[in-house]
């Protein structure tokens, strides 16, 4: 398993690796900067590269959604892994996340 990291591209933020309490502070800063510096009216957050996530990963995702919405961007989350879906379901957050269907049919 690899440490968590975030990459940005035009209108997209991609999350990779393990999202936990150790990786969260650096990921939060990096994601916040990428969102702030982005020029697109829309932001798609792709979680396909997430290998493992605790509730901290879901918290990061919610922070990124909030950051983008504050800047007036339309946000969608794609490829949310099963472990993050389960945490969101138990926490009652599935309806809060702007989830989009991905190619595998997961939401």
PDB file of N, CA and C in Angstrom:
ATOM      1  N   UNK A   1       0.846  -1.181   0.000  1.00  0.00           N
ATOM      2  CA  UNK A   1       0.000   0.000   0.000  1.00  0.00           C
ATOM      3  C   UNK A   1       0.890   1.242   0.000  1.00  0.00           C
ATOM      4  N   UNK A   2       0.419   2.239  -0.706  1.00  0.00           N
ATOM      5  CA  UNK A   2       1.209   3.459  -0.816  1.00  0.00           C
ATOM      6  C   UNK A   2       0.598   4.577   0.008  1.00  0.00           C
ATOM      7  N   UNK A   3       1.470   5.493   0.423  1.00  0.00           N
ATOM      8  CA  UNK A   3       0.988   6.666   1.139  1.00  0.00           C
ATOM      9  C   UNK A   3       0.043   7.444   0.250  1.00  0.00           C
ATOM     10  N   UNK A   4      -0.878   8.151   0.870  1.00  0.00           N
ATOM     11  CA  UNK A   4      -1.848   8.937   0.126  1.00  0.00           C
ATOM     12  C   UNK A   4      -1.190  10.087  -0.625  1.00  0.00           C
ATOM     13  N   UNK A   5      -1.773  10.401  -1.768  1.00  0.00           N
ATOM     14  CA  UNK A   5      -1.341  11.574  -2.518  1.00  0.00           C
ATOM     15  C   UNK A   5      -2.500  12.098  -3.345  1.00  0.00           C
ATOM     16  N   UNK A   6      -2.356  13.332  -3.774  1.00  0.00           N
ATOM     17  CA  UNK A   6      -3.391  13.977  -4.563  1.00  0.00           C
ATOM     18  C   UNK A   6      -2.739  14.592  -5.786  1.00  0.00           C
ATOM     19  N   UNK A   7      -3.421  14.473  -6.912  1.00  0.00           N
ATOM     20  CA  UNK A   7      -2.964  15.098  -8.146  1.00  0.00           C
ATOM     21  C   UNK A   7      -4.120  15.904  -8.716  1.00  0.00           C
ATOM     22  N   UNK A   8      -3.773  16.983  -9.375  1.00  0.00           N
ATOM     23  CA  UNK A   8      -4.790  17.808  -9.997  1.00  0.00           C
ATOM     24  C   UNK A   8      -4.555  17.948 -11.478  1.00  0.00           C
ATOM     25  N   UNK A   9      -5.630  18.074 -12.204  1.00  0.00           N
ATOM     26  CA  UNK A   9      -5.593  18.350 -13.636  1.00  0.00           C
ATOM     27  C   UNK A   9      -6.766  19.290 -13.901  1.00  0.00           C
ATOM     28  N   UNK A  10      -6.907  19.722 -15.107  1.00  0.00           N
ATOM     29  CA  UNK A  10      -7.989  20.652 -15.441  1.00  0.00           C
ATOM     30  C   UNK A  10      -9.340  20.081 -15.022  1.00  0.00           C
ATOM     31  N   UNK A  11      -9.948  20.682 -14.019  1.00  0.00           N
ATOM     32  CA  UNK A  11     -11.279  20.272 -13.573  1.00  0.00           C
ATOM     33  C   UNK A  11     -11.342  18.953 -12.837  1.00  0.00           C
ATOM     34  N   UNK A  12     -10.189  18.431 -12.423  1.00  0.00           N
ATOM     35  CA  UNK A  12     -10.202  17.128 -11.760  1.00  0.00           C
ATOM     36  C   UNK A  12      -9.200  17.083 -10.608  1.00  0.00           C
ATOM     37  N   UNK A  13      -9.593  16.409  -9.557  1.00  0.00           N
ATOM     38  CA  UNK A  13      -8.731  16.150  -8.410  1.00  0.00           C
ATOM     39  C   UNK A  13      -8.744  14.644  -8.231  1.00  0.00           C
ATOM     40  N   UNK A  14      -7.570  14.016  -8.242  1.00  0.00           N
ATOM     41  CA  UNK A  14      -7.475  12.562  -8.118  1.00  0.00           C
ATOM     42  C   UNK A  14      -6.792  12.194  -6.814  1.00  0.00           C
ATOM     43  N   UNK A  15      -7.425  11.294  -6.062  1.00  0.00           N
ATOM     44  CA  UNK A  15      -6.896  10.851  -4.778  1.00  0.00           C
ATOM     45  C   UNK A  15      -6.352   9.437  -4.935  1.00  0.00           C
ATOM     46  N   UNK A  16      -5.172   9.188  -4.308  1.00  0.00           N
ATOM     47  CA  UNK A  16      -4.489   7.896  -4.442  1.00  0.00           C
ATOM     48  C   UNK A  16      -3.997   7.388  -3.095  1.00  0.00           C
ATOM     49  N   UNK A  17      -3.796   6.064  -3.013  1.00  0.00           N
ATOM     50  CA  UNK A  17      -3.122   5.460  -1.879  1.00  0.00           C
ATOM     51  C   UNK A  17      -3.993   5.295  -0.652  1.00  0.00           C
ATOM     52  N   UNK A  18      -3.339   5.381   0.499  1.00  0.00           N
ATOM     53  CA  UNK A  18      -3.995   5.185   1.792  1.00  0.00           C
ATOM     54  C   UNK A  18      -4.339   6.543   2.385  1.00  0.00           C
ATOM     55  N   UNK A  19      -5.611   6.726   2.709  1.00  0.00           N
ATOM     56  CA  UNK A  19      -6.076   7.965   3.316  1.00  0.00           C
ATOM     57  C   UNK A  19      -6.350   7.694   4.785  1.00  0.00           C
ATOM     58  N   UNK A  20      -5.476   8.210   5.650  1.00  0.00           N
ATOM     59  CA  UNK A  20      -5.634   7.992   7.082  1.00  0.00           C
ATOM     60  C   UNK A  20      -5.099   9.194   7.850  1.00  0.00           C
ATOM     61  N   UNK A  21      -5.063   9.092   9.157  1.00  0.00           N
ATOM     62  CA  UNK A  21      -4.669  10.222   9.995  1.00  0.00           C
ATOM     63  C   UNK A  21      -3.237  10.679   9.732  1.00  0.00           C
ATOM     64  N   UNK A  22      -2.378   9.773   9.245  1.00  0.00           N
ATOM     65  CA  UNK A  22      -0.987  10.165   8.968  1.00  0.00           C
ATOM     66  C   UNK A  22      -0.874  10.981   7.694  1.00  0.00           C
ATOM     67  N   UNK A  23      -1.613  10.606   6.673  1.00  0.00           N
ATOM     68  CA  UNK A  23      -1.499  11.291   5.387  1.00  0.00           C
ATOM     69  C   UNK A  23      -2.419  12.508   5.272  1.00  0.00           C
ATOM     70  N   UNK A  24      -3.429  12.586   6.127  1.00  0.00           N
ATOM     71  CA  UNK A  24      -4.464  13.607   5.979  1.00  0.00           C
ATOM     72  C   UNK A  24      -3.972  15.059   6.004  1.00  0.00           C
ATOM     73  N   UNK A  25      -3.121  15.475   6.938  1.00  0.00           N
ATOM     74  CA  UNK A  25      -2.737  16.897   6.955  1.00  0.00           C
ATOM     75  C   UNK A  25      -2.083  17.368   5.652  1.00  0.00           C
ATOM     76  N   UNK A  26      -1.168  16.581   5.121  1.00  0.00           N
ATOM     77  CA  UNK A  26      -0.504  16.972   3.871  1.00  0.00           C
ATOM     78  C   UNK A  26      -1.482  16.922   2.696  1.00  0.00           C
ATOM     79  N   UNK A  27      -2.353  15.924   2.677  1.00  0.00           N
ATOM     80  CA  UNK A  27      -3.341  15.815   1.607  1.00  0.00           C
ATOM     81  C   UNK A  27      -4.330  16.976   1.649  1.00  0.00           C
ATOM     82  N   UNK A  28      -4.696  17.373   2.850  1.00  0.00           N
ATOM     83  CA  UNK A  28      -5.632  18.500   2.998  1.00  0.00           C
ATOM     84  C   UNK A  28      -5.025  19.762   2.401  1.00  0.00           C
ATOM     85  N   UNK A  29      -3.773  20.041   2.752  1.00  0.00           N
ATOM     86  CA  UNK A  29      -3.110  21.250   2.225  1.00  0.00           C
ATOM     87  C   UNK A  29      -2.960  21.188   0.714  1.00  0.00           C
ATOM     88  N   UNK A  30      -2.539  20.036   0.207  1.00  0.00           N
ATOM     89  CA  UNK A  30      -2.330  19.888  -1.240  1.00  0.00           C
ATOM     90  C   UNK A  30      -3.647  20.022  -2.004  1.00  0.00           C
ATOM     91  N   UNK A  31      -4.680  19.361  -1.522  1.00  0.00           N
ATOM     92  CA  UNK A  31      -5.984  19.425  -2.188  1.00  0.00           C
ATOM     93  C   UNK A  31      -6.574  20.817  -2.154  1.00  0.00           C
ATOM     94  N   UNK A  32      -6.444  21.478  -1.029  1.00  0.00           N
ATOM     95  CA  UNK A  32      -6.950  22.844  -0.884  1.00  0.00           C
ATOM     96  C   UNK A  32      -6.266  23.777  -1.887  1.00  0.00           C
ATOM     97  N   UNK A  33      -4.956  23.643  -2.033  1.00  0.00           N
ATOM     98  CA  UNK A  33      -4.207  24.484  -2.973  1.00  0.00           C
ATOM     99  C   UNK A  33      -4.615  24.188  -4.418  1.00  0.00           C
ATOM    100  N   UNK A  34      -4.765  22.914  -4.757  1.00  0.00           N
ATOM    101  CA  UNK A  34      -5.168  22.552  -6.114  1.00  0.00           C
ATOM    102  C   UNK A  34      -6.559  23.092  -6.445  1.00  0.00           C
ATOM    103  N   UNK A  35      -7.465  23.011  -5.492  1.00  0.00           N
ATOM    104  CA  UNK A  35      -8.821  23.520  -5.705  1.00  0.00           C
ATOM    105  C   UNK A  35      -8.795  25.042  -5.848  1.00  0.00           C
ATOM    106  N   UNK A  36      -8.059  25.700  -4.979  1.00  0.00           N
ATOM    107  CA  UNK A  36      -7.955  27.168  -5.007  1.00  0.00           C
ATOM    108  C   UNK A  36      -7.360  27.663  -6.323  1.00  0.00           C
ATOM    109  N   UNK A  37      -6.352  26.942  -6.823  1.00  0.00           N
ATOM    110  CA  UNK A  37      -5.653  27.365  -8.035  1.00  0.00           C
ATOM    111  C   UNK A  37      -6.346  26.930  -9.322  1.00  0.00           C
ATOM    112  N   UNK A  38      -7.335  26.056  -9.210  1.00  0.00           N
ATOM    113  CA  UNK A  38      -8.041  25.560 -10.396  1.00  0.00           C
ATOM    114  C   UNK A  38      -8.865  26.645 -11.056  1.00  0.00           C
ATOM    115  N   UNK A  39      -8.993  26.557 -12.364  1.00  0.00           N
ATOM    116  CA  UNK A  39      -9.711  27.564 -13.134  1.00  0.00           C
ATOM    117  C   UNK A  39     -11.061  27.083 -13.663  1.00  0.00           C
ATOM    118  N   UNK A  40     -11.323  25.806 -13.555  1.00  0.00           N
ATOM    119  CA  UNK A  40     -12.534  25.225 -14.119  1.00  0.00           C
ATOM    120  C   UNK A  40     -13.763  25.547 -13.266  1.00  0.00           C
ATOM    121  N   UNK A  41     -14.913  25.678 -13.916  1.00  0.00           N
ATOM    122  CA  UNK A  41     -16.175  25.921 -13.207  1.00  0.00           C
ATOM    123  C   UNK A  41     -16.687  24.648 -12.546  1.00  0.00           C
ATOM    124  N   UNK A  42     -16.161  23.511 -12.987  1.00  0.00           N
ATOM    125  CA  UNK A  42     -16.573  22.230 -12.432  1.00  0.00           C
ATOM    126  C   UNK A  42     -15.362  21.522 -11.844  1.00  0.00           C
ATOM    127  N   UNK A  43     -15.616  20.710 -10.830  1.00  0.00           N
ATOM    128  CA  UNK A  43     -14.554  19.896 -10.244  1.00  0.00           C
ATOM    129  C   UNK A  43     -15.070  18.479 -10.090  1.00  0.00           C
ATOM    130  N   UNK A  44     -14.320  17.560 -10.641  1.00  0.00           N
ATOM    131  CA  UNK A  44     -14.631  16.144 -10.483  1.00  0.00           C
ATOM    132  C   UNK A  44     -13.561  15.548  -9.580  1.00  0.00           C
ATOM    133  N   UNK A  45     -13.981  14.935  -8.485  1.00  0.00           N
ATOM    134  CA  UNK A  45     -13.053  14.306  -7.552  1.00  0.00           C
ATOM    135  C   UNK A  45     -13.102  12.806  -7.803  1.00  0.00           C
ATOM    136  N   UNK A  46     -11.969  12.278  -8.264  1.00  0.00           N
ATOM    137  CA  UNK A  46     -11.882  10.866  -8.646  1.00  0.00           C
ATOM    138  C   UNK A  46     -11.154  10.090  -7.550  1.00  0.00           C
ATOM    139  N   UNK A  47     -11.833   9.133  -6.978  1.00  0.00           N
ATOM    140  CA  UNK A  47     -11.286   8.331  -5.876  1.00  0.00           C
ATOM    141  C   UNK A  47     -10.847   6.936  -6.322  1.00  0.00           C
ATOM    142  N   UNK A  48     -10.734   6.708  -7.621  1.00  0.00           N
ATOM    143  CA  UNK A  48     -10.401   5.373  -8.132  1.00  0.00           C
ATOM    144  C   UNK A  48      -9.058   4.873  -7.618  1.00  0.00           C
ATOM    145  N   UNK A  49      -8.119   5.761  -7.349  1.00  0.00           N
ATOM    146  CA  UNK A  49      -6.791   5.353  -6.909  1.00  0.00           C
ATOM    147  C   UNK A  49      -6.656   5.131  -5.412  1.00  0.00           C
ATOM    148  N   UNK A  50      -7.747   5.306  -4.672  1.00  0.00           N
ATOM    149  CA  UNK A  50      -7.694   5.110  -3.220  1.00  0.00           C
ATOM    150  C   UNK A  50      -7.613   3.614  -2.930  1.00  0.00           C
ATOM    151  N   UNK A  51      -6.553   3.220  -2.227  1.00  0.00           N
ATOM    152  CA  UNK A  51      -6.359   1.806  -1.890  1.00  0.00           C
ATOM    153  C   UNK A  51      -7.075   1.424  -0.609  1.00  0.00           C
ATOM    154  N   UNK A  52      -7.067   2.334   0.359  1.00  0.00           N
ATOM    155  CA  UNK A  52      -7.685   2.077   1.662  1.00  0.00           C
ATOM    156  C   UNK A  52      -7.984   3.426   2.299  1.00  0.00           C
ATOM    157  N   UNK A  53      -9.098   3.486   3.010  1.00  0.00           N
ATOM    158  CA  UNK A  53      -9.459   4.747   3.643  1.00  0.00           C
ATOM    159  C   UNK A  53     -10.155   4.503   4.973  1.00  0.00           C
ATOM    160  N   UNK A  54      -9.800   5.329   5.931  1.00  0.00           N
ATOM    161  CA  UNK A  54     -10.531   5.366   7.199  1.00  0.00           C
ATOM    162  C   UNK A  54     -11.566   6.484   7.074  1.00  0.00           C
ATOM    163  N   UNK A  55     -12.233   6.791   8.145  1.00  0.00           N
ATOM    164  CA  UNK A  55     -13.189   7.899   8.131  1.00  0.00           C
ATOM    165  C   UNK A  55     -12.488   9.221   7.836  1.00  0.00           C
ATOM    166  N   UNK A  56     -11.188   9.279   8.066  1.00  0.00           N
ATOM    167  CA  UNK A  56     -10.412  10.484   7.766  1.00  0.00           C
ATOM    168  C   UNK A  56     -10.466  10.783   6.263  1.00  0.00           C
ATOM    169  N   UNK A  57     -10.421   9.752   5.442  1.00  0.00           N
ATOM    170  CA  UNK A  57     -10.505   9.947   3.997  1.00  0.00           C
ATOM    171  C   UNK A  57     -11.834  10.549   3.583  1.00  0.00           C
ATOM    172  N   UNK A  58     -12.901  10.102   4.219  1.00  0.00           N
ATOM    173  CA  UNK A  58     -14.220  10.646   3.935  1.00  0.00           C
ATOM    174  C   UNK A  58     -14.291  12.106   4.385  1.00  0.00           C
ATOM    175  N   UNK A  59     -13.694  12.397   5.515  1.00  0.00           N
ATOM    176  CA  UNK A  59     -13.639  13.777   5.999  1.00  0.00           C
ATOM    177  C   UNK A  59     -12.891  14.677   5.011  1.00  0.00           C
ATOM    178  N   UNK A  60     -11.766  14.177   4.491  1.00  0.00           N
ATOM    179  CA  UNK A  60     -11.016  14.926   3.475  1.00  0.00           C
ATOM    180  C   UNK A  60     -11.897  15.209   2.263  1.00  0.00           C
ATOM    181  N   UNK A  61     -12.598  14.196   1.822  1.00  0.00           N
ATOM    182  CA  UNK A  61     -13.467  14.340   0.660  1.00  0.00           C
ATOM    183  C   UNK A  61     -14.530  15.411   0.903  1.00  0.00           C
ATOM    184  N   UNK A  62     -15.137  15.384   2.070  1.00  0.00           N
ATOM    185  CA  UNK A  62     -16.144  16.392   2.408  1.00  0.00           C
ATOM    186  C   UNK A  62     -15.537  17.796   2.447  1.00  0.00           C
ATOM    187  N   UNK A  63     -14.318  17.913   2.957  1.00  0.00           N
ATOM    188  CA  UNK A  63     -13.632  19.210   2.974  1.00  0.00           C
ATOM    189  C   UNK A  63     -13.394  19.722   1.560  1.00  0.00           C
ATOM    190  N   UNK A  64     -12.967  18.830   0.666  1.00  0.00           N
ATOM    191  CA  UNK A  64     -12.707  19.240  -0.711  1.00  0.00           C
ATOM    192  C   UNK A  64     -13.984  19.668  -1.422  1.00  0.00           C
ATOM    193  N   UNK A  65     -15.077  18.961  -1.161  1.00  0.00           N
ATOM    194  CA  UNK A  65     -16.373  19.334  -1.736  1.00  0.00           C
ATOM    195  C   UNK A  65     -16.759  20.724  -1.239  1.00  0.00           C
ATOM    196  N   UNK A  66     -16.625  20.938   0.052  1.00  0.00           N
ATOM    197  CA  UNK A  66     -16.960  22.247   0.634  1.00  0.00           C
ATOM    198  C   UNK A  66     -16.077  23.353   0.057  1.00  0.00           C
ATOM    199  N   UNK A  67     -14.762  23.102  -0.064  1.00  0.00           N
ATOM    200  CA  UNK A  67     -13.844  24.099  -0.617  1.00  0.00           C
ATOM    201  C   UNK A  67     -14.266  24.509  -2.025  1.00  0.00           C
ATOM    202  N   UNK A  68     -14.572  23.518  -2.847  1.00  0.00           N
ATOM    203  CA  UNK A  68     -14.946  23.804  -4.239  1.00  0.00           C
ATOM    204  C   UNK A  68     -16.271  24.559  -4.316  1.00  0.00           C
ATOM    205  N   UNK A  69     -17.231  24.160  -3.493  1.00  0.00           N
ATOM    206  CA  UNK A  69     -18.532  24.836  -3.507  1.00  0.00           C
ATOM    207  C   UNK A  69     -18.407  26.287  -3.043  1.00  0.00           C
ATOM    208  N   UNK A  70     -17.524  26.541  -2.083  1.00  0.00           N
ATOM    209  CA  UNK A  70     -17.284  27.921  -1.630  1.00  0.00           C
ATOM    210  C   UNK A  70     -16.797  28.804  -2.771  1.00  0.00           C
ATOM    211  N   UNK A  71     -16.086  28.186  -3.715  1.00  0.00           N
ATOM    212  CA  UNK A  71     -15.566  28.928  -4.869  1.00  0.00           C
ATOM    213  C   UNK A  71     -16.548  28.926  -6.037  1.00  0.00           C
ATOM    214  N   UNK A  72     -17.755  28.402  -5.796  1.00  0.00           N
ATOM    215  CA  UNK A  72     -18.799  28.427  -6.810  1.00  0.00           C
ATOM    216  C   UNK A  72     -18.686  27.349  -7.866  1.00  0.00           C
ATOM    217  N   UNK A  73     -17.938  26.311  -7.587  1.00  0.00           N
ATOM    218  CA  UNK A  73     -17.761  25.232  -8.567  1.00  0.00           C
ATOM    219  C   UNK A  73     -18.812  24.146  -8.371  1.00  0.00           C
ATOM    220  N   UNK A  74     -19.214  23.554  -9.474  1.00  0.00           N
ATOM    221  CA  UNK A  74     -20.065  22.372  -9.422  1.00  0.00           C
ATOM    222  C   UNK A  74     -19.147  21.185  -9.147  1.00  0.00           C
ATOM    223  N   UNK A  75     -19.527  20.336  -8.201  1.00  0.00           N
ATOM    224  CA  UNK A  75     -18.654  19.235  -7.772  1.00  0.00           C
ATOM    225  C   UNK A  75     -19.347  17.901  -7.969  1.00  0.00           C
ATOM    226  N   UNK A  76     -18.572  16.919  -8.416  1.00  0.00           N
ATOM    227  CA  UNK A  76     -19.064  15.547  -8.451  1.00  0.00           C
ATOM    228  C   UNK A  76     -17.935  14.628  -7.982  1.00  0.00           C
ATOM    229  N   UNK A  77     -18.333  13.556  -7.332  1.00  0.00           N
ATOM    230  CA  UNK A  77     -17.384  12.554  -6.822  1.00  0.00           C
ATOM    231  C   UNK A  77     -17.617  11.277  -7.609  1.00  0.00           C
ATOM    232  N   UNK A  78     -16.523  10.717  -8.145  1.00  0.00           N
ATOM    233  CA  UNK A  78     -16.654   9.474  -8.901  1.00  0.00           C
ATOM    234  C   UNK A  78     -15.740   8.402  -8.314  1.00  0.00           C
ATOM    235  N   UNK A  79     -16.083   7.165  -8.600  1.00  0.00           N
ATOM    236  CA  UNK A  79     -15.275   5.999  -8.212  1.00  0.00           C
ATOM    237  C   UNK A  79     -15.026   5.903  -6.708  1.00  0.00           C
ATOM    238  N   UNK A  80     -16.034   6.177  -5.913  1.00  0.00           N
ATOM    239  CA  UNK A  80     -15.897   6.074  -4.463  1.00  0.00           C
ATOM    240  C   UNK A  80     -15.741   4.601  -4.073  1.00  0.00           C
ATOM    241  N   UNK A  81     -14.604   4.230  -3.453  1.00  0.00           N
ATOM    242  CA  UNK A  81     -14.370   2.827  -3.083  1.00  0.00           C
ATOM    243  C   UNK A  81     -15.402   2.311  -2.079  1.00  0.00           C
ATOM    244  N   UNK A  82     -15.532   0.991  -2.057  1.00  0.00           N
ATOM    245  CA  UNK A  82     -16.499   0.352  -1.173  1.00  0.00           C
ATOM    246  C   UNK A  82     -16.327   0.740   0.290  1.00  0.00           C
ATOM    247  N   UNK A  83     -15.076   0.782   0.785  1.00  0.00           N
ATOM    248  CA  UNK A  83     -14.906   1.101   2.210  1.00  0.00           C
ATOM    249  C   UNK A  83     -15.380   2.523   2.512  1.00  0.00           C
ATOM    250  N   UNK A  84     -15.144   3.454   1.596  1.00  0.00           N
ATOM    251  CA  UNK A  84     -15.611   4.825   1.805  1.00  0.00           C
ATOM    252  C   UNK A  84     -17.131   4.905   1.679  1.00  0.00           C
ATOM    253  N   UNK A  85     -17.703   4.111   0.775  1.00  0.00           N
ATOM    254  CA  UNK A  85     -19.166   4.068   0.647  1.00  0.00           C
ATOM    255  C   UNK A  85     -19.810   3.556   1.930  1.00  0.00           C
ATOM    256  N   UNK A  86     -19.202   2.516   2.514  1.00  0.00           N
ATOM    257  CA  UNK A  86     -19.761   1.951   3.739  1.00  0.00           C
ATOM    258  C   UNK A  86     -19.704   2.950   4.892  1.00  0.00           C
ATOM    259  N   UNK A  87     -18.583   3.650   5.017  1.00  0.00           N
ATOM    260  CA  UNK A  87     -18.459   4.660   6.069  1.00  0.00           C
ATOM    261  C   UNK A  87     -19.496   5.762   5.850  1.00  0.00           C
ATOM    262  N   UNK A  88     -19.644   6.197   4.597  1.00  0.00           N
ATOM    263  CA  UNK A  88     -20.617   7.243   4.277  1.00  0.00           C
ATOM    264  C   UNK A  88     -22.041   6.777   4.576  1.00  0.00           C
ATOM    265  N   UNK A  89     -22.334   5.522   4.259  1.00  0.00           N
ATOM    266  CA  UNK A  89     -23.674   4.978   4.499  1.00  0.00           C
ATOM    267  C   UNK A  89     -23.968   4.947   5.995  1.00  0.00           C
ATOM    268  N   UNK A  90     -23.042   4.416   6.784  1.00  0.00           N
ATOM    269  CA  UNK A  90     -23.232   4.309   8.234  1.00  0.00           C
ATOM    270  C   UNK A  90     -23.335   5.700   8.869  1.00  0.00           C
ATOM    271  N   UNK A  91     -22.589   6.657   8.316  1.00  0.00           N
ATOM    272  CA  UNK A  91     -22.560   8.015   8.862  1.00  0.00           C
ATOM    273  C   UNK A  91     -23.711   8.883   8.355  1.00  0.00           C
ATOM    274  N   UNK A  92     -24.509   8.348   7.431  1.00  0.00           N
ATOM    275  CA  UNK A  92     -25.605   9.122   6.870  1.00  0.00           C
ATOM    276  C   UNK A  92     -25.143  10.202   5.896  1.00  0.00           C
ATOM    277  N   UNK A  93     -24.001   9.990   5.267  1.00  0.00           N
ATOM    278  CA  UNK A  93     -23.435  11.016   4.382  1.00  0.00           C
ATOM    279  C   UNK A  93     -23.606  10.725   2.894  1.00  0.00           C
ATOM    280  N   UNK A  94     -24.180   9.590   2.539  1.00  0.00           N
ATOM    281  CA  UNK A  94     -24.350   9.288   1.119  1.00  0.00           C
ATOM    282  C   UNK A  94     -25.175  10.352   0.411  1.00  0.00           C
ATOM    283  N   UNK A  95     -26.177  10.879   1.105  1.00  0.00           N
ATOM    284  CA  UNK A  95     -27.025  11.905   0.493  1.00  0.00           C
ATOM    285  C   UNK A  95     -26.354  13.272   0.450  1.00  0.00           C
ATOM    286  N   UNK A  96     -25.306  13.453   1.243  1.00  0.00           N
ATOM    287  CA  UNK A  96     -24.595  14.740   1.296  1.00  0.00           C
ATOM    288  C   UNK A  96     -23.545  14.827   0.197  1.00  0.00           C
ATOM    289  N   UNK A  97     -22.928  13.710  -0.125  1.00  0.00           N
ATOM    290  CA  UNK A  97     -21.880  13.686  -1.147  1.00  0.00           C
ATOM    291  C   UNK A  97     -22.483  13.793  -2.546  1.00  0.00           C
ATOM    292  N   UNK A  98     -21.897  14.627  -3.399  1.00  0.00           N
ATOM    293  CA  UNK A  98     -22.391  14.748  -4.775  1.00  0.00           C
ATOM    294  C   UNK A  98     -21.856  13.608  -5.647  1.00  0.00           C
ATOM    295  N   UNK A  99     -22.381  12.406  -5.405  1.00  0.00           N
ATOM    296  CA  UNK A  99     -21.883  11.215  -6.091  1.00  0.00           C
ATOM    297  C   UNK A  99     -22.423  11.125  -7.514  1.00  0.00           C
ATOM    298  N   UNK A 100     -21.543  10.731  -8.417  1.00  0.00           N
ATOM    299  CA  UNK A 100     -21.919  10.474  -9.800  1.00  0.00           C
ATOM    300  C   UNK A 100     -21.684   9.000 -10.069  1.00  0.00           C
ATOM    301  N   UNK A 101     -22.487   8.405 -10.927  1.00  0.00           N
ATOM    302  CA  UNK A 101     -22.273   7.009 -11.285  1.00  0.00           C
ATOM    303  C   UNK A 101     -20.954   6.880 -12.015  1.00  0.00           C
ATOM    304  N   UNK A 102     -20.230   5.801 -11.726  1.00  0.00           N
ATOM    305  CA  UNK A 102     -18.989   5.570 -12.458  1.00  0.00           C
ATOM    306  C   UNK A 102     -19.196   4.383 -13.406  1.00  0.00           C
ATOM    307  N   UNK A 103     -18.149   4.036 -14.115  1.00  0.00           N
ATOM    308  CA  UNK A 103     -18.245   3.012 -15.149  1.00  0.00           C
ATOM    309  C   UNK A 103     -18.602   1.632 -14.589  1.00  0.00           C
ATOM    310  N   UNK A 104     -18.263   1.366 -13.349  1.00  0.00           N
ATOM    311  CA  UNK A 104     -18.537   0.046 -12.788  1.00  0.00           C
ATOM    312  C   UNK A 104     -19.940  -0.046 -12.189  1.00  0.00           C
ATOM    313  N   UNK A 105     -20.656   1.082 -12.192  1.00  0.00           N
ATOM    314  CA  UNK A 105     -22.003   1.079 -11.641  1.00  0.00           C
ATOM    315  C   UNK A 105     -22.047   1.342 -10.157  1.00  0.00           C
ATOM    316  N   UNK A 106     -20.882   1.587  -9.533  1.00  0.00           N
ATOM    317  CA  UNK A 106     -20.850   1.906  -8.104  1.00  0.00           C
ATOM    318  C   UNK A 106     -21.287   3.343  -7.893  1.00  0.00           C
ATOM    319  N   UNK A 107     -21.928   3.561  -6.778  1.00  0.00           N
ATOM    320  CA  UNK A 107     -22.250   4.925  -6.363  1.00  0.00           C
ATOM    321  C   UNK A 107     -21.869   5.072  -4.922  1.00  0.00           C
TER     322      UNK A 107
END
